[in-house]
Amino acid sequence: MHIRRLATTALASTALALTSLGAVTVTATPAAAAPCGFYETSSDAYYNHCTADGSRVVIKVRVALGPDYERCVGPGKTWLGSAEKVQGAHYTGRTC
């Protein structure tokens, strides 16, 4: 128990030191890349398929007040529709 507490304290101290030195910095910039997977802006919903192999994948799109559907998307950002209508999207585990 005492060793675990020391290890936790040491890790926390290291993280704090790195953060104060600026070694762990997370900032959003206007040129920041879109996140992988489903995301929304203030008005639109997107799915960003992050891949280096050029694969196409099947995603399931959840729709508010409508039927959900599947869609094949390629690498990069795909517009899914209005953020008011699209509630989410996720990879189904299949390629297309």
PDB file of N, CA and C in Angstrom:
ATOM      1  N   MET A   1       0.823  -1.177   0.000  1.00  0.00           N
ATOM      2  CA  MET A   1       0.000   0.000   0.000  1.00  0.00           C
ATOM      3  C   MET A   1       0.874   1.249   0.000  1.00  0.00           C
ATOM      4  N   HIS A   2       1.902   1.274   0.839  1.00  0.00           N
ATOM      5  CA  HIS A   2       2.780   2.428   0.937  1.00  0.00           C
ATOM      6  C   HIS A   2       3.535   2.646  -0.378  1.00  0.00           C
ATOM      7  N   ILE A   3       3.957   1.567  -1.020  1.00  0.00           N
ATOM      8  CA  ILE A   3       4.678   1.672  -2.297  1.00  0.00           C
ATOM      9  C   ILE A   3       3.758   2.222  -3.376  1.00  0.00           C
ATOM     10  N   ARG A   4       2.515   1.767  -3.406  1.00  0.00           N
ATOM     11  CA  ARG A   4       1.557   2.255  -4.399  1.00  0.00           C
ATOM     12  C   ARG A   4       1.329   3.756  -4.222  1.00  0.00           C
ATOM     13  N   ARG A   5       1.207   4.223  -2.982  1.00  0.00           N
ATOM     14  CA  ARG A   5       0.996   5.638  -2.708  1.00  0.00           C
ATOM     15  C   ARG A   5       2.207   6.447  -3.167  1.00  0.00           C
ATOM     16  N   LEU A   6       3.421   5.935  -2.923  1.00  0.00           N
ATOM     17  CA  LEU A   6       4.626   6.631  -3.370  1.00  0.00           C
ATOM     18  C   LEU A   6       4.683   6.717  -4.892  1.00  0.00           C
ATOM     19  N   ALA A   7       4.323   5.626  -5.564  1.00  0.00           N
ATOM     20  CA  ALA A   7       4.338   5.612  -7.028  1.00  0.00           C
ATOM     21  C   ALA A   7       3.324   6.605  -7.580  1.00  0.00           C
ATOM     22  N   THR A   8       2.132   6.651  -6.989  1.00  0.00           N
ATOM     23  CA  THR A   8       1.104   7.578  -7.437  1.00  0.00           C
ATOM     24  C   THR A   8       1.555   9.016  -7.211  1.00  0.00           C
ATOM     25  N   THR A   9       2.135   9.294  -6.065  1.00  0.00           N
ATOM     26  CA  THR A   9       2.632  10.630  -5.757  1.00  0.00           C
ATOM     27  C   THR A   9       3.749  11.022  -6.721  1.00  0.00           C
ATOM     28  N   ALA A  10       4.649  10.088  -7.021  1.00  0.00           N
ATOM     29  CA  ALA A  10       5.749  10.373  -7.947  1.00  0.00           C
ATOM     30  C   ALA A  10       5.223  10.664  -9.343  1.00  0.00           C
ATOM     31  N   LEU A  11       4.248   9.900  -9.795  1.00  0.00           N
ATOM     32  CA  LEU A  11       3.662  10.138 -11.116  1.00  0.00           C
ATOM     33  C   LEU A  11       2.966  11.493 -11.172  1.00  0.00           C
ATOM     34  N   ALA A  12       2.220  11.820 -10.138  1.00  0.00           N
ATOM     35  CA  ALA A  12       1.532  13.106 -10.096  1.00  0.00           C
ATOM     36  C   ALA A  12       2.524  14.254 -10.086  1.00  0.00           C
ATOM     37  N   SER A  13       3.608  14.114  -9.341  1.00  0.00           N
ATOM     38  CA  SER A  13       4.635  15.157  -9.288  1.00  0.00           C
ATOM     39  C   SER A  13       5.308  15.337 -10.641  1.00  0.00           C
ATOM     40  N   THR A  14       5.591  14.231 -11.314  1.00  0.00           N
ATOM     41  CA  THR A  14       6.213  14.299 -12.634  1.00  0.00           C
ATOM     42  C   THR A  14       5.284  14.976 -13.635  1.00  0.00           C
ATOM     43  N   ALA A  15       3.998  14.613 -13.614  1.00  0.00           N
ATOM     44  CA  ALA A  15       3.034  15.219 -14.523  1.00  0.00           C
ATOM     45  C   ALA A  15       2.921  16.715 -14.269  1.00  0.00           C
ATOM     46  N   LEU A  16       2.899  17.111 -12.996  1.00  0.00           N
ATOM     47  CA  LEU A  16       2.823  18.517 -12.655  1.00  0.00           C
ATOM     48  C   LEU A  16       4.063  19.260 -13.131  1.00  0.00           C
ATOM     49  N   ALA A  17       5.232  18.669 -12.951  1.00  0.00           N
ATOM     50  CA  ALA A  17       6.471  19.299 -13.390  1.00  0.00           C
ATOM     51  C   ALA A  17       6.503  19.453 -14.902  1.00  0.00           C
ATOM     52  N   LEU A  18       6.104  18.428 -15.628  1.00  0.00           N
ATOM     53  CA  LEU A  18       6.093  18.503 -17.093  1.00  0.00           C
ATOM     54  C   LEU A  18       5.105  19.551 -17.586  1.00  0.00           C
ATOM     55  N   THR A  19       3.945  19.616 -16.937  1.00  0.00           N
ATOM     56  CA  THR A  19       2.951  20.598 -17.329  1.00  0.00           C
ATOM     57  C   THR A  19       3.471  22.013 -17.086  1.00  0.00           C
ATOM     58  N   SER A  20       4.115  22.245 -15.953  1.00  0.00           N
ATOM     59  CA  SER A  20       4.611  23.581 -15.646  1.00  0.00           C
ATOM     60  C   SER A  20       5.752  23.984 -16.569  1.00  0.00           C
ATOM     61  N   LEU A  21       6.475  23.008 -17.117  1.00  0.00           N
ATOM     62  CA  LEU A  21       7.554  23.314 -18.050  1.00  0.00           C
ATOM     63  C   LEU A  21       7.043  23.457 -19.477  1.00  0.00           C
ATOM     64  N   GLY A  22       5.767  23.185 -19.679  1.00  0.00           N
ATOM     65  CA  GLY A  22       5.207  23.289 -21.016  1.00  0.00           C
ATOM     66  C   GLY A  22       5.431  22.044 -21.853  1.00  0.00           C
ATOM     67  N   ALA A  23       5.908  20.951 -21.257  1.00  0.00           N
ATOM     68  CA  ALA A  23       6.180  19.737 -22.008  1.00  0.00           C
ATOM     69  C   ALA A  23       4.887  19.031 -22.403  1.00  0.00           C
ATOM     70  N   VAL A  24       3.832  19.265 -21.648  1.00  0.00           N
ATOM     71  CA  VAL A  24       2.541  18.676 -21.973  1.00  0.00           C
ATOM     72  C   VAL A  24       1.601  19.830 -22.262  1.00  0.00           C
ATOM     73  N   THR A  25       1.464  20.151 -23.530  1.00  0.00           N
ATOM     74  CA  THR A  25       0.647  21.284 -23.922  1.00  0.00           C
ATOM     75  C   THR A  25      -0.390  20.829 -24.936  1.00  0.00           C
ATOM     76  N   VAL A  26      -1.636  21.118 -24.646  1.00  0.00           N
ATOM     77  CA  VAL A  26      -2.716  20.804 -25.567  1.00  0.00           C
ATOM     78  C   VAL A  26      -3.428  22.105 -25.876  1.00  0.00           C
ATOM     79  N   THR A  27      -3.317  22.538 -27.114  1.00  0.00           N
ATOM     80  CA  THR A  27      -3.978  23.767 -27.507  1.00  0.00           C
ATOM     81  C   THR A  27      -4.706  23.559 -28.819  1.00  0.00           C
ATOM     82  N   ALA A  28      -5.784  24.269 -28.991  1.00  0.00           N
ATOM     83  CA  ALA A  28      -6.515  24.220 -30.240  1.00  0.00           C
ATOM     84  C   ALA A  28      -6.105  25.421 -31.075  1.00  0.00           C
ATOM     85  N   THR A  29      -5.780  25.174 -32.313  1.00  0.00           N
ATOM     86  CA  THR A  29      -5.426  26.249 -33.219  1.00  0.00           C
ATOM     87  C   THR A  29      -6.387  26.241 -34.384  1.00  0.00           C
ATOM     88  N   PRO A  30      -6.536  27.342 -35.065  1.00  0.00           N
ATOM     89  CA  PRO A  30      -7.451  27.374 -36.198  1.00  0.00           C
ATOM     90  C   PRO A  30      -7.105  26.340 -37.269  1.00  0.00           C
ATOM     91  N   ALA A  31      -5.826  26.003 -37.403  1.00  0.00           N
ATOM     92  CA  ALA A  31      -5.402  25.052 -38.431  1.00  0.00           C
ATOM     93  C   ALA A  31      -5.363  23.619 -37.906  1.00  0.00           C
ATOM     94  N   ALA A  32      -5.893  23.379 -36.703  1.00  0.00           N
ATOM     95  CA  ALA A  32      -5.859  22.034 -36.123  1.00  0.00           C
ATOM     96  C   ALA A  32      -6.674  21.070 -36.983  1.00  0.00           C
ATOM     97  N   ALA A  33      -6.180  19.853 -37.101  1.00  0.00           N
ATOM     98  CA  ALA A  33      -6.873  18.832 -37.884  1.00  0.00           C
ATOM     99  C   ALA A  33      -8.153  18.411 -37.181  1.00  0.00           C
ATOM    100  N   ALA A  34      -9.118  17.965 -37.974  1.00  0.00           N
ATOM    101  CA  ALA A  34     -10.378  17.472 -37.413  1.00  0.00           C
ATOM    102  C   ALA A  34     -10.104  16.214 -36.598  1.00  0.00           C
ATOM    103  N   PRO A  35     -10.848  15.994 -35.517  1.00  0.00           N
ATOM    104  CA  PRO A  35     -10.655  14.776 -34.723  1.00  0.00           C
ATOM    105  C   PRO A  35     -11.104  13.546 -35.508  1.00  0.00           C
ATOM    106  N   CYS A  36     -10.576  12.406 -35.167  1.00  0.00           N
ATOM    107  CA  CYS A  36     -10.979  11.163 -35.818  1.00  0.00           C
ATOM    108  C   CYS A  36     -12.348  10.736 -35.301  1.00  0.00           C
ATOM    109  N   GLY A  37     -13.158  10.147 -36.191  1.00  0.00           N
ATOM    110  CA  GLY A  37     -14.480   9.687 -35.810  1.00  0.00           C
ATOM    111  C   GLY A  37     -15.524  10.772 -35.955  1.00  0.00           C
ATOM    112  N   PHE A  38     -16.625  10.613 -35.231  1.00  0.00           N
ATOM    113  CA  PHE A  38     -17.742  11.559 -35.305  1.00  0.00           C
ATOM    114  C   PHE A  38     -17.418  12.828 -34.539  1.00  0.00           C
ATOM    115  N   TYR A  39     -17.793  13.959 -35.128  1.00  0.00           N
ATOM    116  CA  TYR A  39     -17.719  15.231 -34.414  1.00  0.00           C
ATOM    117  C   TYR A  39     -18.709  16.207 -35.024  1.00  0.00           C
ATOM    118  N   GLU A  40     -19.022  17.246 -34.265  1.00  0.00           N
ATOM    119  CA  GLU A  40     -19.958  18.272 -34.713  1.00  0.00           C
ATOM    120  C   GLU A  40     -19.331  19.648 -34.618  1.00  0.00           C
ATOM    121  N   THR A  41     -19.793  20.535 -35.493  1.00  0.00           N
ATOM    122  CA  THR A  41     -19.519  21.957 -35.348  1.00  0.00           C
ATOM    123  C   THR A  41     -20.811  22.565 -34.809  1.00  0.00           C
ATOM    124  N   SER A  42     -20.916  23.869 -34.790  1.00  0.00           N
ATOM    125  CA  SER A  42     -22.151  24.481 -34.297  1.00  0.00           C
ATOM    126  C   SER A  42     -23.341  24.190 -35.199  1.00  0.00           C
ATOM    127  N   SER A  43     -23.093  23.815 -36.459  1.00  0.00           N
ATOM    128  CA  SER A  43     -24.211  23.590 -37.367  1.00  0.00           C
ATOM    129  C   SER A  43     -24.176  22.266 -38.130  1.00  0.00           C
ATOM    130  N   ASP A  44     -23.030  21.618 -38.229  1.00  0.00           N
ATOM    131  CA  ASP A  44     -22.899  20.436 -39.076  1.00  0.00           C
ATOM    132  C   ASP A  44     -22.312  19.242 -38.335  1.00  0.00           C
ATOM    133  N   ALA A  45     -22.623  18.046 -38.843  1.00  0.00           N
ATOM    134  CA  ALA A  45     -22.098  16.794 -38.286  1.00  0.00           C
ATOM    135  C   ALA A  45     -21.181  16.152 -39.328  1.00  0.00           C
ATOM    136  N   TYR A  46     -20.050  15.601 -38.854  1.00  0.00           N
ATOM    137  CA  TYR A  46     -19.042  15.014 -39.734  1.00  0.00           C
ATOM    138  C   TYR A  46     -18.551  13.688 -39.171  1.00  0.00           C
ATOM    139  N   TYR A  47     -17.986  12.878 -40.066  1.00  0.00           N
ATOM    140  CA  TYR A  47     -17.233  11.699 -39.650  1.00  0.00           C
ATOM    141  C   TYR A  47     -15.880  11.794 -40.328  1.00  0.00           C
ATOM    142  N   ASN A  48     -14.809  11.741 -39.557  1.00  0.00           N
ATOM    143  CA  ASN A  48     -13.453  11.815 -40.096  1.00  0.00           C
ATOM    144  C   ASN A  48     -12.808  10.439 -39.964  1.00  0.00           C
ATOM    145  N   HIS A  49     -12.623   9.778 -41.111  1.00  0.00           N
ATOM    146  CA  HIS A  49     -11.981   8.458 -41.126  1.00  0.00           C
ATOM    147  C   HIS A  49     -10.478   8.670 -41.236  1.00  0.00           C
ATOM    148  N   CYS A  50      -9.788   8.475 -40.139  1.00  0.00           N
ATOM    149  CA  CYS A  50      -8.338   8.653 -40.084  1.00  0.00           C
ATOM    150  C   CYS A  50      -7.664   7.328 -40.441  1.00  0.00           C
ATOM    151  N   THR A  51      -6.977   7.299 -41.568  1.00  0.00           N
ATOM    152  CA  THR A  51      -6.304   6.086 -42.003  1.00  0.00           C
ATOM    153  C   THR A  51      -5.116   6.458 -42.873  1.00  0.00           C
ATOM    154  N   ALA A  52      -4.141   5.605 -42.889  1.00  0.00           N
ATOM    155  CA  ALA A  52      -2.987   5.798 -43.760  1.00  0.00           C
ATOM    156  C   ALA A  52      -3.006   4.803 -44.914  1.00  0.00           C
ATOM    157  N   ASP A  53      -3.955   3.856 -44.881  1.00  0.00           N
ATOM    158  CA  ASP A  53      -3.958   2.807 -45.898  1.00  0.00           C
ATOM    159  C   ASP A  53      -4.995   3.010 -46.994  1.00  0.00           C
ATOM    160  N   GLY A  54      -5.739   4.106 -46.966  1.00  0.00           N
ATOM    161  CA  GLY A  54      -6.718   4.386 -48.009  1.00  0.00           C
ATOM    162  C   GLY A  54      -7.994   3.570 -47.912  1.00  0.00           C
ATOM    163  N   SER A  55      -8.201   2.876 -46.815  1.00  0.00           N
ATOM    164  CA  SER A  55      -9.373   2.011 -46.668  1.00  0.00           C
ATOM    165  C   SER A  55     -10.663   2.817 -46.611  1.00  0.00           C
ATOM    166  N   ARG A  56     -11.749   2.144 -46.975  1.00  0.00           N
ATOM    167  CA  ARG A  56     -13.098   2.690 -46.858  1.00  0.00           C
ATOM    168  C   ARG A  56     -13.821   1.840 -45.819  1.00  0.00           C
ATOM    169  N   VAL A  57     -14.579   2.491 -44.939  1.00  0.00           N
ATOM    170  CA  VAL A  57     -15.245   1.776 -43.857  1.00  0.00           C
ATOM    171  C   VAL A  57     -16.734   2.089 -43.826  1.00  0.00           C
ATOM    172  N   VAL A  58     -17.490   1.183 -43.222  1.00  0.00           N
ATOM    173  CA  VAL A  58     -18.931   1.377 -43.038  1.00  0.00           C
ATOM    174  C   VAL A  58     -19.148   2.004 -41.667  1.00  0.00           C
ATOM    175  N   ILE A  59     -19.920   3.093 -41.643  1.00  0.00           N
ATOM    176  CA  ILE A  59     -20.301   3.723 -40.383  1.00  0.00           C
ATOM    177  C   ILE A  59     -21.821   3.650 -40.239  1.00  0.00           C
ATOM    178  N   LYS A  60     -22.282   3.632 -39.004  1.00  0.00           N
ATOM    179  CA  LYS A  60     -23.717   3.704 -38.734  1.00  0.00           C
ATOM    180  C   LYS A  60     -24.003   5.107 -38.233  1.00  0.00           C
ATOM    181  N   VAL A  61     -24.938   5.767 -38.876  1.00  0.00           N
ATOM    182  CA  VAL A  61     -25.294   7.145 -38.544  1.00  0.00           C
ATOM    183  C   VAL A  61     -26.615   7.124 -37.783  1.00  0.00           C
ATOM    184  N   ARG A  62     -26.621   7.737 -36.598  1.00  0.00           N
ATOM    185  CA  ARG A  62     -27.835   7.836 -35.782  1.00  0.00           C
ATOM    186  C   ARG A  62     -28.541   9.158 -36.104  1.00  0.00           C
ATOM    187  N   VAL A  63     -29.828   9.065 -36.439  1.00  0.00           N
ATOM    188  CA  VAL A  63     -30.594  10.226 -36.884  1.00  0.00           C
ATOM    189  C   VAL A  63     -31.708  10.520 -35.886  1.00  0.00           C
ATOM    190  N   ALA A  64     -31.880  11.795 -35.557  1.00  0.00           N
ATOM    191  CA  ALA A  64     -32.973  12.201 -34.680  1.00  0.00           C
ATOM    192  C   ALA A  64     -34.283  12.156 -35.462  1.00  0.00           C
ATOM    193  N   LEU A  65     -35.289  11.547 -34.898  1.00  0.00           N
ATOM    194  CA  LEU A  65     -36.634  11.480 -35.483  1.00  0.00           C
ATOM    195  C   LEU A  65     -36.633  10.911 -36.894  1.00  0.00           C
ATOM    196  N   GLY A  66     -35.767   9.946 -37.135  1.00  0.00           N
ATOM    197  CA  GLY A  66     -35.703   9.298 -38.437  1.00  0.00           C
ATOM    198  C   GLY A  66     -34.961   7.989 -38.310  1.00  0.00           C
ATOM    199  N   PRO A  67     -34.979   7.193 -39.372  1.00  0.00           N
ATOM    200  CA  PRO A  67     -34.271   5.914 -39.307  1.00  0.00           C
ATOM    201  C   PRO A  67     -32.753   6.090 -39.373  1.00  0.00           C
ATOM    202  N   ASP A  68     -32.046   5.298 -38.599  1.00  0.00           N
ATOM    203  CA  ASP A  68     -30.592   5.273 -38.690  1.00  0.00           C
ATOM    204  C   ASP A  68     -30.219   4.624 -40.015  1.00  0.00           C
ATOM    205  N   TYR A  69     -29.006   4.873 -40.474  1.00  0.00           N
ATOM    206  CA  TYR A  69     -28.571   4.274 -41.728  1.00  0.00           C
ATOM    207  C   TYR A  69     -27.076   4.010 -41.698  1.00  0.00           C
ATOM    208  N   GLU A  70     -26.622   3.157 -42.614  1.00  0.00           N
ATOM    209  CA  GLU A  70     -25.200   2.882 -42.763  1.00  0.00           C
ATOM    210  C   GLU A  70     -24.696   3.591 -44.004  1.00  0.00           C
ATOM    211  N   ARG A  71     -23.414   3.957 -43.956  1.00  0.00           N
ATOM    212  CA  ARG A  71     -22.808   4.677 -45.069  1.00  0.00           C
ATOM    213  C   ARG A  71     -21.350   4.266 -45.207  1.00  0.00           C
ATOM    214  N   CYS A  72     -20.890   4.153 -46.435  1.00  0.00           N
ATOM    215  CA  CYS A  72     -19.491   3.845 -46.710  1.00  0.00           C
ATOM    216  C   CYS A  72     -18.740   5.167 -46.847  1.00  0.00           C
ATOM    217  N   VAL A  73     -17.661   5.318 -46.066  1.00  0.00           N
ATOM    218  CA  VAL A  73     -16.874   6.555 -46.132  1.00  0.00           C
ATOM    219  C   VAL A  73     -15.409   6.230 -46.405  1.00  0.00           C
ATOM    220  N   GLY A  74     -14.785   7.105 -47.139  1.00  0.00           N
ATOM    221  CA  GLY A  74     -13.367   6.963 -47.438  1.00  0.00           C
ATOM    222  C   GLY A  74     -12.529   7.773 -46.468  1.00  0.00           C
ATOM    223  N   PRO A  75     -11.235   7.832 -46.708  1.00  0.00           N
ATOM    224  CA  PRO A  75     -10.334   8.584 -45.832  1.00  0.00           C
ATOM    225  C   PRO A  75     -10.710  10.070 -45.789  1.00  0.00           C
ATOM    226  N   GLY A  76     -10.523  10.650 -44.637  1.00  0.00           N
ATOM    227  CA  GLY A  76     -10.779  12.080 -44.479  1.00  0.00           C
ATOM    228  C   GLY A  76     -12.166  12.381 -43.959  1.00  0.00           C
ATOM    229  N   LYS A  77     -12.539  13.644 -44.087  1.00  0.00           N
ATOM    230  CA  LYS A  77     -13.758  14.183 -43.499  1.00  0.00           C
ATOM    231  C   LYS A  77     -14.944  13.999 -44.442  1.00  0.00           C
ATOM    232  N   THR A  78     -16.061  13.485 -43.899  1.00  0.00           N
ATOM    233  CA  THR A  78     -17.304  13.318 -44.650  1.00  0.00           C
ATOM    234  C   THR A  78     -18.413  14.070 -43.936  1.00  0.00           C
ATOM    235  N   TRP A  79     -19.113  14.927 -44.658  1.00  0.00           N
ATOM    236  CA  TRP A  79     -20.243  15.657 -44.099  1.00  0.00           C
ATOM    237  C   TRP A  79     -21.435  14.724 -44.000  1.00  0.00           C
ATOM    238  N   LEU A  80     -22.061  14.659 -42.828  1.00  0.00           N
ATOM    239  CA  LEU A  80     -23.200  13.765 -42.607  1.00  0.00           C
ATOM    240  C   LEU A  80     -24.537  14.490 -42.630  1.00  0.00           C
ATOM    241  N   GLY A  81     -24.511  15.782 -42.410  1.00  0.00           N
ATOM    242  CA  GLY A  81     -25.749  16.546 -42.395  1.00  0.00           C
ATOM    243  C   GLY A  81     -25.759  17.563 -41.276  1.00  0.00           C
ATOM    244  N   SER A  82     -26.930  18.064 -41.010  1.00  0.00           N
ATOM    245  CA  SER A  82     -27.132  19.059 -39.968  1.00  0.00           C
ATOM    246  C   SER A  82     -26.885  18.457 -38.584  1.00  0.00           C
ATOM    247  N   ALA A  83     -26.224  19.214 -37.734  1.00  0.00           N
ATOM    248  CA  ALA A  83     -25.981  18.756 -36.363  1.00  0.00           C
ATOM    249  C   ALA A  83     -27.288  18.602 -35.593  1.00  0.00           C
ATOM    250  N   GLU A  84     -28.345  19.284 -36.021  1.00  0.00           N
ATOM    251  CA  GLU A  84     -29.652  19.141 -35.380  1.00  0.00           C
ATOM    252  C   GLU A  84     -30.261  17.780 -35.673  1.00  0.00           C
ATOM    253  N   LYS A  85     -29.967  17.216 -36.835  1.00  0.00           N
ATOM    254  CA  LYS A  85     -30.581  15.955 -37.243  1.00  0.00           C
ATOM    255  C   LYS A  85     -29.719  14.733 -36.954  1.00  0.00           C
ATOM    256  N   VAL A  86     -28.412  14.861 -37.059  1.00  0.00           N
ATOM    257  CA  VAL A  86     -27.512  13.724 -36.851  1.00  0.00           C
ATOM    258  C   VAL A  86     -27.082  13.692 -35.394  1.00  0.00           C
ATOM    259  N   GLN A  87     -27.349  12.577 -34.721  1.00  0.00           N
ATOM    260  CA  GLN A  87     -27.032  12.457 -33.295  1.00  0.00           C
ATOM    261  C   GLN A  87     -25.695  11.791 -33.032  1.00  0.00           C
ATOM    262  N   GLY A  88     -25.141  11.110 -34.018  1.00  0.00           N
ATOM    263  CA  GLY A  88     -23.863  10.448 -33.827  1.00  0.00           C
ATOM    264  C   GLY A  88     -23.577   9.505 -34.970  1.00  0.00           C
ATOM    265  N   ALA A  89     -22.376   8.968 -34.990  1.00  0.00           N
ATOM    266  CA  ALA A  89     -21.981   7.978 -35.991  1.00  0.00           C
ATOM    267  C   ALA A  89     -20.821   7.178 -35.423  1.00  0.00           C
ATOM    268  N   HIS A  90     -20.755   5.897 -35.796  1.00  0.00           N
ATOM    269  CA  HIS A  90     -19.653   5.067 -35.312  1.00  0.00           C
ATOM    270  C   HIS A  90     -19.281   4.011 -36.355  1.00  0.00           C
ATOM    271  N   TYR A  91     -18.057   3.578 -36.304  1.00  0.00           N
ATOM    272  CA  TYR A  91     -17.514   2.539 -37.178  1.00  0.00           C
ATOM    273  C   TYR A  91     -18.163   1.213 -36.831  1.00  0.00           C
ATOM    274  N   THR A  92     -18.627   0.479 -37.834  1.00  0.00           N
ATOM    275  CA  THR A  92     -19.309  -0.794 -37.601  1.00  0.00           C
ATOM    276  C   THR A  92     -18.364  -1.984 -37.541  1.00  0.00           C
ATOM    277  N   GLY A  93     -17.101  -1.784 -37.918  1.00  0.00           N
ATOM    278  CA  GLY A  93     -16.151  -2.881 -37.915  1.00  0.00           C
ATOM    279  C   GLY A  93     -16.002  -3.542 -39.282  1.00  0.00           C
ATOM    280  N   ARG A  94     -16.659  -2.958 -40.293  1.00  0.00           N
ATOM    281  CA  ARG A  94     -16.613  -3.521 -41.638  1.00  0.00           C
ATOM    282  C   ARG A  94     -15.997  -2.533 -42.620  1.00  0.00           C
ATOM    283  N   THR A  95     -15.349  -3.062 -43.639  1.00  0.00           N
ATOM    284  CA  THR A  95     -14.861  -2.215 -44.732  1.00  0.00           C
ATOM    285  C   THR A  95     -15.847  -2.300 -45.891  1.00  0.00           C
ATOM    286  N   CYS A  96     -15.685  -1.424 -46.857  1.00  0.00           N
ATOM    287  CA  CYS A  96     -16.595  -1.400 -48.003  1.00  0.00           C
ATOM    288  C   CYS A  96     -15.843  -1.051 -49.284  1.00  0.00           C
TER     289      CYS A  96
END
